Amino acid sequence: MERLRVWYLEKEEDIRLLVSQIFYKLSNTAPDILRGVHSAAVPLTLYGRHCEQEAEREEWEKVWLELGVSDQSVTLTYISEISDLCSSTLKSTSWSNRIQAAKTLMTVAKYLNTTYPPAHFSANVTSLLQVTAGRTFPGKSALLSALSRTLTATRSLQGLEEGEVLEVFFREAGKKDEAYVSEVIRSLGDLFLGLELSDCWERVWGLCLTFLTPPPQEKEEGEEEESKEKKKKVETFSID
C-alpha cells in the first residue's frame, strides 16, 4: 500500500492513473483487503477524487463508492491521516499537487463543518496560510478558496489572529493577475459572510473599485481630431 501511495504522489500521470485503477480493482474484487488498510486507503482516495485528470478522478470516485463509507464519519475517523497527507502535498514543488491538496481540504471542511476537530482545524489552516505566500501560479486561487471554506466551517476562527488571516487575503488581492485577484476577492467575500469580522469596508471597496471602474478607452485618430476641433470651437465661442 505504501508503495502505491508513493507512486501516486511522485510519479507521472500514466502511473497515477494505473494506481487509481489498481485501487478500484481491489475495492471491487477484494474489498476485505482494502478495508484492512482503511487508514491509508481513505486519505489517498479522498485526495485522488480531486485530481485534474477526469479519467483518473472517475476511478477514485468509484473507489470511494465501493468503500461504502459515510462522508462525514469516515473523514472524521481518519482526519489525522488526511491532514498529514494534505500538509505534505501542500509543500510539494508541484503546483497541481498543491491545488489537489487544497481542494481536498475544501471537501474536508464541507463534510465536517462544526464537527471539525480544533487541533486539526488549526493545523490545516496554518498549512494553508503558509503556502499562500510567494508567486502566483495557475490555480493558486484554490488555496485561498480552501482557506476561506475551512475558516468558515466552524463559524469561528478558533483562536486564530483575525488580522493575520485577513492580511493574507488583502496581500493576495494586491497581485497583478486580475483573474486571480477576482477569485481572491470572492473568497474574501465568503469569509465575511461566514464569520463575524472587523469592519474592513474601505479596503474591500478599494479592491472592488478596480473591477467596477471601466478602463479609459483609447480614441481613434479621427475621433481625437474631432474632439480637439470641438474643444477649439468651444474655447473660441467662450472668448467671443
C-alpha atoms as a PDB file:
ATOM      1  CA  MET A   1       0.000   0.000   0.000  1.00  0.00           C
ATOM      2  CA  GLU A   2       2.820   2.397   0.863  1.00  0.00           C
ATOM      3  CA  ARG A   3       4.461   1.754  -2.499  1.00  0.00           C
ATOM      4  CA  LEU A   4       1.216   2.558  -4.311  1.00  0.00           C
ATOM      5  CA  ARG A   5       0.904   5.735  -2.272  1.00  0.00           C
ATOM      6  CA  VAL A   6       4.426   6.841  -3.165  1.00  0.00           C
ATOM      7  CA  TRP A   7       3.874   6.041  -6.838  1.00  0.00           C
ATOM      8  CA  TYR A   8       0.690   8.072  -6.901  1.00  0.00           C
ATOM      9  CA  LEU A   9       2.199  11.105  -5.209  1.00  0.00           C
ATOM     10  CA  GLU A  10       5.516  11.144  -7.043  1.00  0.00           C
ATOM     11  CA  LYS A  11       5.116   9.555 -10.479  1.00  0.00           C
ATOM     12  CA  GLU A  12       3.827  10.703 -13.867  1.00  0.00           C
ATOM     13  CA  GLU A  13       0.168  10.902 -14.924  1.00  0.00           C
ATOM     14  CA  ASP A  14       0.050   7.466 -16.568  1.00  0.00           C
ATOM     15  CA  ILE A  15       1.348   5.829 -13.365  1.00  0.00           C
ATOM     16  CA  ARG A  16      -1.114   7.809 -11.276  1.00  0.00           C
ATOM     17  CA  LEU A  17      -3.966   6.556 -13.444  1.00  0.00           C
ATOM     18  CA  LEU A  18      -2.675   2.998 -13.077  1.00  0.00           C
ATOM     19  CA  VAL A  19      -2.641   3.345  -9.281  1.00  0.00           C
ATOM     20  CA  SER A  20      -6.252   4.542  -9.278  1.00  0.00           C
ATOM     21  CA  GLN A  21      -7.217   1.557 -11.437  1.00  0.00           C
ATOM     22  CA  ILE A  22      -5.445  -0.846  -9.069  1.00  0.00           C
ATOM     23  CA  PHE A  23      -7.329   0.653  -6.142  1.00  0.00           C
ATOM     24  CA  TYR A  24     -10.634   0.256  -7.947  1.00  0.00           C
ATOM     25  CA  LYS A  25      -9.809  -3.350  -8.824  1.00  0.00           C
ATOM     26  CA  LEU A  26      -9.059  -4.055  -5.168  1.00  0.00           C
ATOM     27  CA  SER A  27     -12.220  -2.334  -3.954  1.00  0.00           C
ATOM     28  CA  ASN A  28     -14.300  -4.264  -6.467  1.00  0.00           C
ATOM     29  CA  THR A  29     -12.782  -7.751  -6.181  1.00  0.00           C
ATOM     30  CA  ALA A  30     -11.054  -7.789  -2.782  1.00  0.00           C
ATOM     31  CA  PRO A  31     -12.824  -5.243  -0.550  1.00  0.00           C
ATOM     32  CA  ASP A  32     -11.660  -7.006   2.612  1.00  0.00           C
ATOM     33  CA  ILE A  33      -8.048  -6.256   1.741  1.00  0.00           C
ATOM     34  CA  LEU A  34      -8.820  -2.578   1.241  1.00  0.00           C
ATOM     35  CA  ARG A  35     -10.867  -2.379   4.432  1.00  0.00           C
ATOM     36  CA  GLY A  36      -7.859  -3.757   6.275  1.00  0.00           C
ATOM     37  CA  VAL A  37      -5.815  -0.721   5.253  1.00  0.00           C
ATOM     38  CA  HIS A  38      -8.514   1.949   5.532  1.00  0.00           C
ATOM     39  CA  SER A  39      -6.195   4.366   7.316  1.00  0.00           C
ATOM     40  CA  ALA A  40      -4.035   4.516   4.176  1.00  0.00           C
ATOM     41  CA  ALA A  41      -6.725   3.929   1.542  1.00  0.00           C
ATOM     42  CA  VAL A  42      -9.278   6.515   2.650  1.00  0.00           C
ATOM     43  CA  PRO A  43      -6.958   9.575   2.667  1.00  0.00           C
ATOM     44  CA  LEU A  44      -5.430   8.715  -0.713  1.00  0.00           C
ATOM     45  CA  THR A  45      -8.837   8.017  -2.245  1.00  0.00           C
ATOM     46  CA  LEU A  46     -10.230  11.314  -0.973  1.00  0.00           C
ATOM     47  CA  TYR A  47      -7.163  13.111  -2.298  1.00  0.00           C
ATOM     48  CA  GLY A  48      -7.399  11.307  -5.645  1.00  0.00           C
ATOM     49  CA  ARG A  49     -11.013  12.412  -6.087  1.00  0.00           C
ATOM     50  CA  HIS A  50      -9.727  15.967  -6.561  1.00  0.00           C
ATOM     51  CA  CYS A  51      -7.151  15.390  -9.293  1.00  0.00           C
ATOM     52  CA  GLU A  52      -7.267  17.352 -12.552  1.00  0.00           C
ATOM     53  CA  GLN A  53      -7.452  14.369 -14.922  1.00  0.00           C
ATOM     54  CA  GLU A  54     -11.055  13.289 -15.471  1.00  0.00           C
ATOM     55  CA  ALA A  55     -10.341   9.612 -16.211  1.00  0.00           C
ATOM     56  CA  GLU A  56      -8.286   9.261 -13.055  1.00  0.00           C
ATOM     57  CA  ARG A  57     -10.782  11.220 -10.963  1.00  0.00           C
ATOM     58  CA  GLU A  58     -13.602   8.918 -12.088  1.00  0.00           C
ATOM     59  CA  GLU A  59     -11.622   5.854 -10.942  1.00  0.00           C
ATOM     60  CA  TRP A  60     -11.173   7.344  -7.474  1.00  0.00           C
ATOM     61  CA  GLU A  61     -14.844   8.276  -7.287  1.00  0.00           C
ATOM     62  CA  LYS A  62     -15.730   4.633  -7.949  1.00  0.00           C
ATOM     63  CA  VAL A  63     -13.325   3.527  -5.231  1.00  0.00           C
ATOM     64  CA  TRP A  64     -14.974   5.927  -2.768  1.00  0.00           C
ATOM     65  CA  LEU A  65     -18.390   4.482  -3.581  1.00  0.00           C
ATOM     66  CA  GLU A  66     -17.097   0.928  -3.255  1.00  0.00           C
ATOM     67  CA  LEU A  67     -15.714   1.728   0.182  1.00  0.00           C
ATOM     68  CA  GLY A  68     -19.337   2.296   1.207  1.00  0.00           C
ATOM     69  CA  VAL A  69     -18.482   4.896   3.813  1.00  0.00           C
ATOM     70  CA  SER A  70     -20.312   7.887   5.256  1.00  0.00           C
ATOM     71  CA  ASP A  71     -18.598  11.067   4.070  1.00  0.00           C
ATOM     72  CA  GLN A  72     -18.628  12.775   7.442  1.00  0.00           C
ATOM     73  CA  SER A  73     -17.902   9.824   9.695  1.00  0.00           C
ATOM     74  CA  VAL A  74     -15.012   8.399   7.658  1.00  0.00           C
ATOM     75  CA  THR A  75     -13.456  11.859   7.268  1.00  0.00           C
ATOM     76  CA  LEU A  76     -13.697  12.405  11.000  1.00  0.00           C
ATOM     77  CA  THR A  77     -12.257   8.948  11.715  1.00  0.00           C
ATOM     78  CA  TYR A  78      -9.216   9.487   9.507  1.00  0.00           C
ATOM     79  CA  ILE A  79      -8.829  13.243   9.856  1.00  0.00           C
ATOM     80  CA  SER A  80      -5.264  12.849  11.197  1.00  0.00           C
ATOM     81  CA  GLU A  81      -4.137  10.809   8.188  1.00  0.00           C
ATOM     82  CA  ILE A  82      -5.970  13.095   5.747  1.00  0.00           C
ATOM     83  CA  SER A  83      -4.431  16.195   7.331  1.00  0.00           C
ATOM     84  CA  ASP A  84      -0.937  14.693   7.215  1.00  0.00           C
ATOM     85  CA  LEU A  85      -1.314  13.827   3.536  1.00  0.00           C
ATOM     86  CA  CYS A  86      -2.593  17.284   2.635  1.00  0.00           C
ATOM     87  CA  SER A  87       0.055  19.027   4.730  1.00  0.00           C
ATOM     88  CA  SER A  88       2.863  17.209   2.911  1.00  0.00           C
ATOM     89  CA  THR A  89       1.407  17.701  -0.574  1.00  0.00           C
ATOM     90  CA  LEU A  90       0.757  21.389   0.058  1.00  0.00           C
ATOM     91  CA  LYS A  91       4.535  21.730   0.382  1.00  0.00           C
ATOM     92  CA  SER A  92       5.123  19.902  -2.901  1.00  0.00           C
ATOM     93  CA  THR A  93       7.076  21.596  -5.682  1.00  0.00           C
ATOM     94  CA  SER A  94       4.267  20.510  -7.997  1.00  0.00           C
ATOM     95  CA  TRP A  95       1.573  23.151  -8.400  1.00  0.00           C
ATOM     96  CA  SER A  96      -1.018  20.524  -9.333  1.00  0.00           C
ATOM     97  CA  ASN A  97      -0.312  18.627  -6.100  1.00  0.00           C
ATOM     98  CA  ARG A  98      -0.816  21.797  -4.066  1.00  0.00           C
ATOM     99  CA  ILE A  99      -4.095  22.532  -5.823  1.00  0.00           C
ATOM    100  CA  GLN A 100      -5.253  18.944  -5.310  1.00  0.00           C
ATOM    101  CA  ALA A 101      -4.464  19.142  -1.594  1.00  0.00           C
ATOM    102  CA  ALA A 102      -6.305  22.457  -1.269  1.00  0.00           C
ATOM    103  CA  LYS A 103      -9.399  21.056  -2.976  1.00  0.00           C
ATOM    104  CA  THR A 104      -9.251  18.032  -0.699  1.00  0.00           C
ATOM    105  CA  LEU A 105      -9.241  20.290   2.360  1.00  0.00           C
ATOM    106  CA  MET A 106     -12.229  22.172   0.949  1.00  0.00           C
ATOM    107  CA  THR A 107     -14.144  18.905   0.847  1.00  0.00           C
ATOM    108  CA  VAL A 108     -12.988  18.034   4.369  1.00  0.00           C
ATOM    109  CA  ALA A 109     -14.415  21.343   5.593  1.00  0.00           C
ATOM    110  CA  LYS A 110     -17.647  20.659   3.716  1.00  0.00           C
ATOM    111  CA  TYR A 111     -18.021  17.200   5.263  1.00  0.00           C
ATOM    112  CA  LEU A 112     -17.099  18.194   8.818  1.00  0.00           C
ATOM    113  CA  ASN A 113     -18.343  21.760   9.277  1.00  0.00           C
ATOM    114  CA  THR A 114     -18.849  22.346  13.022  1.00  0.00           C
ATOM    115  CA  THR A 115     -17.550  18.848  13.886  1.00  0.00           C
ATOM    116  CA  TYR A 116     -14.067  19.798  12.654  1.00  0.00           C
ATOM    117  CA  PRO A 117     -11.648  18.817  15.478  1.00  0.00           C
ATOM    118  CA  PRO A 118      -9.992  22.039  16.758  1.00  0.00           C
ATOM    119  CA  ALA A 119      -6.432  20.670  16.632  1.00  0.00           C
ATOM    120  CA  HIS A 120      -6.702  19.582  13.001  1.00  0.00           C
ATOM    121  CA  PHE A 121      -8.618  22.730  12.094  1.00  0.00           C
ATOM    122  CA  SER A 122      -5.757  24.892  13.377  1.00  0.00           C
ATOM    123  CA  ALA A 123      -3.091  22.702  11.747  1.00  0.00           C
ATOM    124  CA  ASN A 124      -4.786  22.739   8.340  1.00  0.00           C
ATOM    125  CA  VAL A 125      -5.444  26.485   8.449  1.00  0.00           C
ATOM    126  CA  THR A 126      -1.789  27.072   9.355  1.00  0.00           C
ATOM    127  CA  SER A 127      -0.656  24.899   6.437  1.00  0.00           C
ATOM    128  CA  LEU A 128      -2.868  26.848   4.025  1.00  0.00           C
ATOM    129  CA  LEU A 129      -1.743  30.213   5.393  1.00  0.00           C
ATOM    130  CA  GLN A 130       1.903  29.271   4.907  1.00  0.00           C
ATOM    131  CA  VAL A 131       1.599  28.133   1.293  1.00  0.00           C
ATOM    132  CA  THR A 132      -0.271  31.254   0.135  1.00  0.00           C
ATOM    133  CA  ALA A 133       2.975  33.229   0.307  1.00  0.00           C
ATOM    134  CA  GLY A 134       5.126  33.516  -2.792  1.00  0.00           C
ATOM    135  CA  ARG A 135       4.494  33.759  -6.504  1.00  0.00           C
ATOM    136  CA  THR A 136       1.146  33.425  -8.210  1.00  0.00           C
ATOM    137  CA  PHE A 137       0.780  30.213 -10.191  1.00  0.00           C
ATOM    138  CA  PRO A 138      -2.104  28.857 -12.294  1.00  0.00           C
ATOM    139  CA  GLY A 139      -4.832  27.627  -9.985  1.00  0.00           C
ATOM    140  CA  LYS A 140      -3.405  29.249  -6.844  1.00  0.00           C
ATOM    141  CA  SER A 141      -6.837  30.696  -6.073  1.00  0.00           C
ATOM    142  CA  ALA A 142      -7.803  27.178  -4.899  1.00  0.00           C
ATOM    143  CA  LEU A 143      -5.555  27.746  -1.855  1.00  0.00           C
ATOM    144  CA  LEU A 144      -7.489  30.864  -0.866  1.00  0.00           C
ATOM    145  CA  SER A 145     -10.824  29.155  -1.548  1.00  0.00           C
ATOM    146  CA  ALA A 146      -9.811  26.255   0.679  1.00  0.00           C
ATOM    147  CA  LEU A 147      -8.629  28.634   3.378  1.00  0.00           C
ATOM    148  CA  SER A 148     -11.906  30.548   3.307  1.00  0.00           C
ATOM    149  CA  ARG A 149     -14.018  27.369   3.315  1.00  0.00           C
ATOM    150  CA  THR A 150     -12.035  25.886   6.206  1.00  0.00           C
ATOM    151  CA  LEU A 151     -12.221  29.051   8.287  1.00  0.00           C
ATOM    152  CA  THR A 152     -15.988  29.323   7.858  1.00  0.00           C
ATOM    153  CA  ALA A 153     -16.637  25.628   8.552  1.00  0.00           C
ATOM    154  CA  THR A 154     -16.730  26.066  12.315  1.00  0.00           C
ATOM    155  CA  ARG A 155     -18.182  29.613  12.255  1.00  0.00           C
ATOM    156  CA  SER A 156     -15.245  30.684  14.406  1.00  0.00           C
ATOM    157  CA  LEU A 157     -11.552  31.492  13.997  1.00  0.00           C
ATOM    158  CA  GLN A 158     -10.855  29.082  16.859  1.00  0.00           C
ATOM    159  CA  GLY A 159      -8.361  31.449  18.483  1.00  0.00           C
ATOM    160  CA  LEU A 160      -6.530  32.411  15.283  1.00  0.00           C
ATOM    161  CA  GLU A 161      -5.455  36.029  14.899  1.00  0.00           C
ATOM    162  CA  GLU A 162      -8.061  37.810  12.760  1.00  0.00           C
ATOM    163  CA  GLY A 163      -5.634  40.430  11.459  1.00  0.00           C
ATOM    164  CA  GLU A 164      -3.136  37.806  10.316  1.00  0.00           C
ATOM    165  CA  VAL A 165      -5.817  35.891   8.444  1.00  0.00           C
ATOM    166  CA  LEU A 166      -7.306  38.950   6.716  1.00  0.00           C
ATOM    167  CA  GLU A 167      -3.908  40.304   5.764  1.00  0.00           C
ATOM    168  CA  VAL A 168      -3.229  37.162   3.704  1.00  0.00           C
ATOM    169  CA  PHE A 169      -6.328  37.828   1.599  1.00  0.00           C
ATOM    170  CA  PHE A 170      -5.584  41.537   1.209  1.00  0.00           C
ATOM    171  CA  ARG A 171      -1.981  40.781   0.271  1.00  0.00           C
ATOM    172  CA  GLU A 172      -3.015  38.313  -2.414  1.00  0.00           C
ATOM    173  CA  ALA A 173      -5.733  40.675  -3.663  1.00  0.00           C
ATOM    174  CA  GLY A 174      -2.963  43.177  -4.366  1.00  0.00           C
ATOM    175  CA  LYS A 175      -1.359  40.974  -7.023  1.00  0.00           C
ATOM    176  CA  LYS A 176      -1.390  41.979 -10.716  1.00  0.00           C
ATOM    177  CA  ASP A 177      -3.222  38.969 -12.147  1.00  0.00           C
ATOM    178  CA  GLU A 178      -6.813  40.258 -12.421  1.00  0.00           C
ATOM    179  CA  ALA A 179      -8.394  36.815 -12.864  1.00  0.00           C
ATOM    180  CA  TYR A 180      -6.608  35.590  -9.749  1.00  0.00           C
ATOM    181  CA  VAL A 181      -7.469  38.715  -7.774  1.00  0.00           C
ATOM    182  CA  SER A 182     -11.173  38.395  -8.616  1.00  0.00           C
ATOM    183  CA  GLU A 183     -11.162  34.845  -7.204  1.00  0.00           C
ATOM    184  CA  VAL A 184      -9.354  36.026  -4.072  1.00  0.00           C
ATOM    185  CA  ILE A 185     -11.975  38.756  -3.558  1.00  0.00           C
ATOM    186  CA  ARG A 186     -14.701  36.135  -3.962  1.00  0.00           C
ATOM    187  CA  SER A 187     -13.079  34.010  -1.241  1.00  0.00           C
ATOM    188  CA  LEU A 188     -12.701  37.080   0.960  1.00  0.00           C
ATOM    189  CA  GLY A 189     -16.407  37.783   0.495  1.00  0.00           C
ATOM    190  CA  ASP A 190     -17.247  34.231   1.557  1.00  0.00           C
ATOM    191  CA  LEU A 191     -15.120  34.781   4.642  1.00  0.00           C
ATOM    192  CA  PHE A 192     -17.059  37.905   5.627  1.00  0.00           C
ATOM    193  CA  LEU A 193     -20.361  36.132   5.011  1.00  0.00           C
ATOM    194  CA  GLY A 194     -19.392  33.154   7.160  1.00  0.00           C
ATOM    195  CA  LEU A 195     -17.708  34.898  10.081  1.00  0.00           C
ATOM    196  CA  GLU A 196     -18.187  37.978  12.242  1.00  0.00           C
ATOM    197  CA  LEU A 197     -15.119  40.041  11.440  1.00  0.00           C
ATOM    198  CA  SER A 198     -13.965  43.607  11.935  1.00  0.00           C
ATOM    199  CA  ASP A 199     -15.219  46.251   9.537  1.00  0.00           C
ATOM    200  CA  CYS A 200     -12.829  46.463   6.581  1.00  0.00           C
ATOM    201  CA  TRP A 201     -15.244  48.165   4.192  1.00  0.00           C
ATOM    202  CA  GLU A 202     -12.835  50.801   2.874  1.00  0.00           C
ATOM    203  CA  ARG A 203     -10.141  48.243   1.990  1.00  0.00           C
ATOM    204  CA  VAL A 204     -12.631  45.857   0.409  1.00  0.00           C
ATOM    205  CA  TRP A 205     -14.295  48.664  -1.543  1.00  0.00           C
ATOM    206  CA  GLY A 206     -10.909  49.806  -2.801  1.00  0.00           C
ATOM    207  CA  LEU A 207     -10.264  46.307  -4.175  1.00  0.00           C
ATOM    208  CA  CYS A 208     -13.686  46.040  -5.806  1.00  0.00           C
ATOM    209  CA  LEU A 209     -13.455  49.511  -7.331  1.00  0.00           C
ATOM    210  CA  THR A 210     -10.706  48.286  -9.628  1.00  0.00           C
ATOM    211  CA  PHE A 211     -13.182  45.950 -11.290  1.00  0.00           C
ATOM    212  CA  LEU A 212     -16.132  48.360 -11.227  1.00  0.00           C
ATOM    213  CA  THR A 213     -14.321  51.283 -12.893  1.00  0.00           C
ATOM    214  CA  PRO A 214     -14.088  50.786 -16.677  1.00  0.00           C
ATOM    215  CA  PRO A 215     -10.614  51.336 -18.153  1.00  0.00           C
ATOM    216  CA  PRO A 216     -10.148  54.511 -20.198  1.00  0.00           C
ATOM    217  CA  GLN A 217     -10.959  53.914 -23.856  1.00  0.00           C
ATOM    218  CA  GLU A 218      -8.414  54.865 -26.451  1.00  0.00           C
ATOM    219  CA  LYS A 219      -9.864  57.172 -29.064  1.00  0.00           C
ATOM    220  CA  GLU A 220      -9.356  56.556 -32.740  1.00  0.00           C
ATOM    221  CA  GLU A 221      -7.233  59.095 -34.563  1.00  0.00           C
ATOM    222  CA  GLY A 222     -10.258  60.621 -36.321  1.00  0.00           C
ATOM    223  CA  GLU A 223     -12.248  60.841 -33.101  1.00  0.00           C
ATOM    224  CA  GLU A 224      -9.355  62.533 -31.335  1.00  0.00           C
ATOM    225  CA  GLU A 225      -9.064  65.199 -34.052  1.00  0.00           C
ATOM    226  CA  GLU A 226     -12.822  65.771 -33.931  1.00  0.00           C
ATOM    227  CA  SER A 227     -12.693  66.156 -30.158  1.00  0.00           C
ATOM    228  CA  LYS A 228      -9.883  68.713 -30.443  1.00  0.00           C
ATOM    229  CA  GLU A 229     -11.832  70.677 -33.058  1.00  0.00           C
ATOM    230  CA  LYS A 230     -14.944  70.791 -30.865  1.00  0.00           C
ATOM    231  CA  LYS A 231     -12.880  71.939 -27.908  1.00  0.00           C
ATOM    232  CA  LYS A 232     -11.315  74.652 -30.031  1.00  0.00           C
ATOM    233  CA  LYS A 233     -14.729  75.903 -31.159  1.00  0.00           C
ATOM    234  CA  VAL A 234     -15.987  75.981 -27.560  1.00  0.00           C
ATOM    235  CA  GLU A 235     -12.943  77.962 -26.462  1.00  0.00           C
ATOM    236  CA  THR A 236     -13.375  80.407 -29.361  1.00  0.00           C
ATOM    237  CA  PHE A 237     -17.070  80.824 -28.534  1.00  0.00           C
ATOM    238  CA  SER A 238     -16.235  81.465 -24.908  1.00  0.00           C
ATOM    239  CA  ILE A 239     -13.690  84.157 -25.807  1.00  0.00           C
ATOM    240  CA  ASP A 240     -16.159  85.898 -28.087  1.00  0.00           C
END
